[in-house]
Amino acid sequence: MNEQSFSDRSDFEPLPNSAIVYRALLRKPWINEDTGLVQSEAYYLRKNKNEQGISVNIASACSPEQCAARFKKCYGVARLEVGVFAS
């Protein structure tokens, strides 16, 4: 999903496995200061906002710098690889 506003999730085409997306880290506590690793809280859905998924930017459409520049404060950008979770 992209930061652009769309009215319905069905507007999105599924991303292929191995596609790269960026997640803007908008809260300082989302990054562990000692390790530099992203905390799991950066990926939680906010139930009070009835979220259906996390906001990401598709790497083929923007750089990490462009992703961060969309916000007044951004503490970092996480790089994620899309894939199917197999248990």
C-alpha atoms as a PDB file:
ATOM      1  CA  MET A   1       0.000   0.000   0.000  1.00  0.00           C
ATOM      2  CA  ASN A   2       1.163   3.446  -0.756  1.00  0.00           C
ATOM      3  CA  GLU A   3       0.866   6.716   1.185  1.00  0.00           C
ATOM      4  CA  GLN A   4      -1.378   7.995  -1.590  1.00  0.00           C
ATOM      5  CA  SER A   5      -5.009   8.149  -0.601  1.00  0.00           C
ATOM      6  CA  PHE A   6      -7.259   5.462  -2.043  1.00  0.00           C
ATOM      7  CA  SER A   7     -10.826   4.772  -1.025  1.00  0.00           C
ATOM      8  CA  ASP A   8     -10.653   0.991  -0.993  1.00  0.00           C
ATOM      9  CA  ARG A   9      -8.037  -1.735  -0.607  1.00  0.00           C
ATOM     10  CA  SER A  10      -9.330  -3.366  -3.778  1.00  0.00           C
ATOM     11  CA  ASP A  11      -7.747  -0.462  -5.704  1.00  0.00           C
ATOM     12  CA  PHE A  12      -4.339  -2.047  -5.114  1.00  0.00           C
ATOM     13  CA  GLU A  13      -2.743  -4.682  -7.272  1.00  0.00           C
ATOM     14  CA  PRO A  14      -1.031  -7.437  -5.262  1.00  0.00           C
ATOM     15  CA  LEU A  15       2.725  -7.026  -5.086  1.00  0.00           C
ATOM     16  CA  PRO A  16       4.875  -9.906  -6.274  1.00  0.00           C
ATOM     17  CA  ASN A  17       6.979 -11.874  -3.799  1.00  0.00           C
ATOM     18  CA  SER A  18      10.379 -10.247  -3.320  1.00  0.00           C
ATOM     19  CA  ALA A  19       9.050  -6.729  -4.084  1.00  0.00           C
ATOM     20  CA  ILE A  20      10.664  -4.129  -1.839  1.00  0.00           C
ATOM     21  CA  VAL A  21       8.624  -1.566   0.104  1.00  0.00           C
ATOM     22  CA  TYR A  22       9.593   1.180   2.550  1.00  0.00           C
ATOM     23  CA  ARG A  23       7.940   1.933   5.896  1.00  0.00           C
ATOM     24  CA  ALA A  24       8.477   5.446   7.283  1.00  0.00           C
ATOM     25  CA  LEU A  25       9.375   5.331  10.979  1.00  0.00           C
ATOM     26  CA  LEU A  26       7.451   8.281  12.386  1.00  0.00           C
ATOM     27  CA  ARG A  27       8.021   7.687  16.094  1.00  0.00           C
ATOM     28  CA  LYS A  28      11.421   7.741  17.747  1.00  0.00           C
ATOM     29  CA  PRO A  29      10.661   4.763  20.068  1.00  0.00           C
ATOM     30  CA  TRP A  30      10.159   2.585  16.976  1.00  0.00           C
ATOM     31  CA  ILE A  31      13.962   2.361  16.649  1.00  0.00           C
ATOM     32  CA  ASN A  32      16.067   0.719  19.363  1.00  0.00           C
ATOM     33  CA  GLU A  33      18.787   3.280  20.083  1.00  0.00           C
ATOM     34  CA  ASP A  34      21.269   0.613  21.204  1.00  0.00           C
ATOM     35  CA  THR A  35      20.934  -1.779  18.255  1.00  0.00           C
ATOM     36  CA  GLY A  36      19.415   0.397  15.517  1.00  0.00           C
ATOM     37  CA  LEU A  37      16.806  -2.311  14.931  1.00  0.00           C
ATOM     38  CA  VAL A  38      13.179  -1.447  14.241  1.00  0.00           C
ATOM     39  CA  GLN A  39      10.780  -2.339  17.064  1.00  0.00           C
ATOM     40  CA  SER A  40       7.710  -4.440  16.299  1.00  0.00           C
ATOM     41  CA  GLU A  41       5.483  -1.517  17.366  1.00  0.00           C
ATOM     42  CA  ALA A  42       6.297   0.119  14.019  1.00  0.00           C
ATOM     43  CA  TYR A  43       4.111  -2.504  12.352  1.00  0.00           C
ATOM     44  CA  TYR A  44       1.086  -2.691  14.674  1.00  0.00           C
ATOM     45  CA  LEU A  45      -2.317  -1.777  13.301  1.00  0.00           C
ATOM     46  CA  ARG A  46      -4.128   0.963  15.196  1.00  0.00           C
ATOM     47  CA  LYS A  47      -7.493  -0.601  16.026  1.00  0.00           C
ATOM     48  CA  ASN A  48      -9.032   2.743  17.001  1.00  0.00           C
ATOM     49  CA  LYS A  49      -8.387   3.916  13.423  1.00  0.00           C
ATOM     50  CA  ASN A  50      -9.809   0.694  11.917  1.00  0.00           C
ATOM     51  CA  GLU A  51      -6.661   0.134   9.876  1.00  0.00           C
ATOM     52  CA  GLN A  52      -6.601  -2.664   7.343  1.00  0.00           C
ATOM     53  CA  GLY A  53      -2.838  -2.623   6.723  1.00  0.00           C
ATOM     54  CA  ILE A  54       0.300  -0.605   7.272  1.00  0.00           C
ATOM     55  CA  SER A  55       1.255   2.302   5.030  1.00  0.00           C
ATOM     56  CA  VAL A  56       4.260   1.655   2.849  1.00  0.00           C
ATOM     57  CA  ASN A  57       5.826   3.081  -0.286  1.00  0.00           C
ATOM     58  CA  ILE A  58       6.815   0.852  -3.174  1.00  0.00           C
ATOM     59  CA  ALA A  59      10.575   1.036  -3.715  1.00  0.00           C
ATOM     60  CA  SER A  60      10.240   0.990  -7.498  1.00  0.00           C
ATOM     61  CA  ALA A  61       8.232   4.233  -7.234  1.00  0.00           C
ATOM     62  CA  CYS A  62      10.300   6.168  -4.684  1.00  0.00           C
ATOM     63  CA  SER A  63      13.598   6.199  -2.819  1.00  0.00           C
ATOM     64  CA  PRO A  64      13.974   5.947   0.966  1.00  0.00           C
ATOM     65  CA  GLU A  65      14.760   9.680   0.976  1.00  0.00           C
ATOM     66  CA  GLN A  66      11.539  10.470  -0.907  1.00  0.00           C
ATOM     67  CA  CYS A  67       9.602   8.264   1.507  1.00  0.00           C
ATOM     68  CA  ALA A  68      11.028  10.147   4.515  1.00  0.00           C
ATOM     69  CA  ALA A  69      10.496  13.562   2.896  1.00  0.00           C
ATOM     70  CA  ARG A  70       6.711  13.066   2.884  1.00  0.00           C
ATOM     71  CA  PHE A  71       6.605  13.716   6.633  1.00  0.00           C
ATOM     72  CA  LYS A  72       7.579  16.589   8.938  1.00  0.00           C
ATOM     73  CA  LYS A  73       9.419  14.195  11.252  1.00  0.00           C
ATOM     74  CA  CYS A  74      10.750  10.855  10.158  1.00  0.00           C
ATOM     75  CA  TYR A  75      13.301   8.988  12.277  1.00  0.00           C
ATOM     76  CA  GLY A  76      14.200   6.436   9.635  1.00  0.00           C
ATOM     77  CA  VAL A  77      12.898   4.231   6.847  1.00  0.00           C
ATOM     78  CA  ALA A  78      12.584   0.447   7.121  1.00  0.00           C
ATOM     79  CA  ARG A  79      13.118  -1.686   4.028  1.00  0.00           C
ATOM     80  CA  LEU A  80      10.766  -4.678   3.784  1.00  0.00           C
ATOM     81  CA  GLU A  81      10.628  -7.541   1.333  1.00  0.00           C
ATOM     82  CA  VAL A  82       7.147  -8.683   0.353  1.00  0.00           C
ATOM     83  CA  GLY A  83       6.495 -12.385   0.625  1.00  0.00           C
ATOM     84  CA  VAL A  84       4.095 -15.044   1.708  1.00  0.00           C
ATOM     85  CA  PHE A  85       4.539 -16.298   5.258  1.00  0.00           C
ATOM     86  CA  ALA A  86       4.665 -20.063   5.355  1.00  0.00           C
ATOM     87  CA  SER A  87       4.230 -21.828   8.677  1.00  0.00           C
END
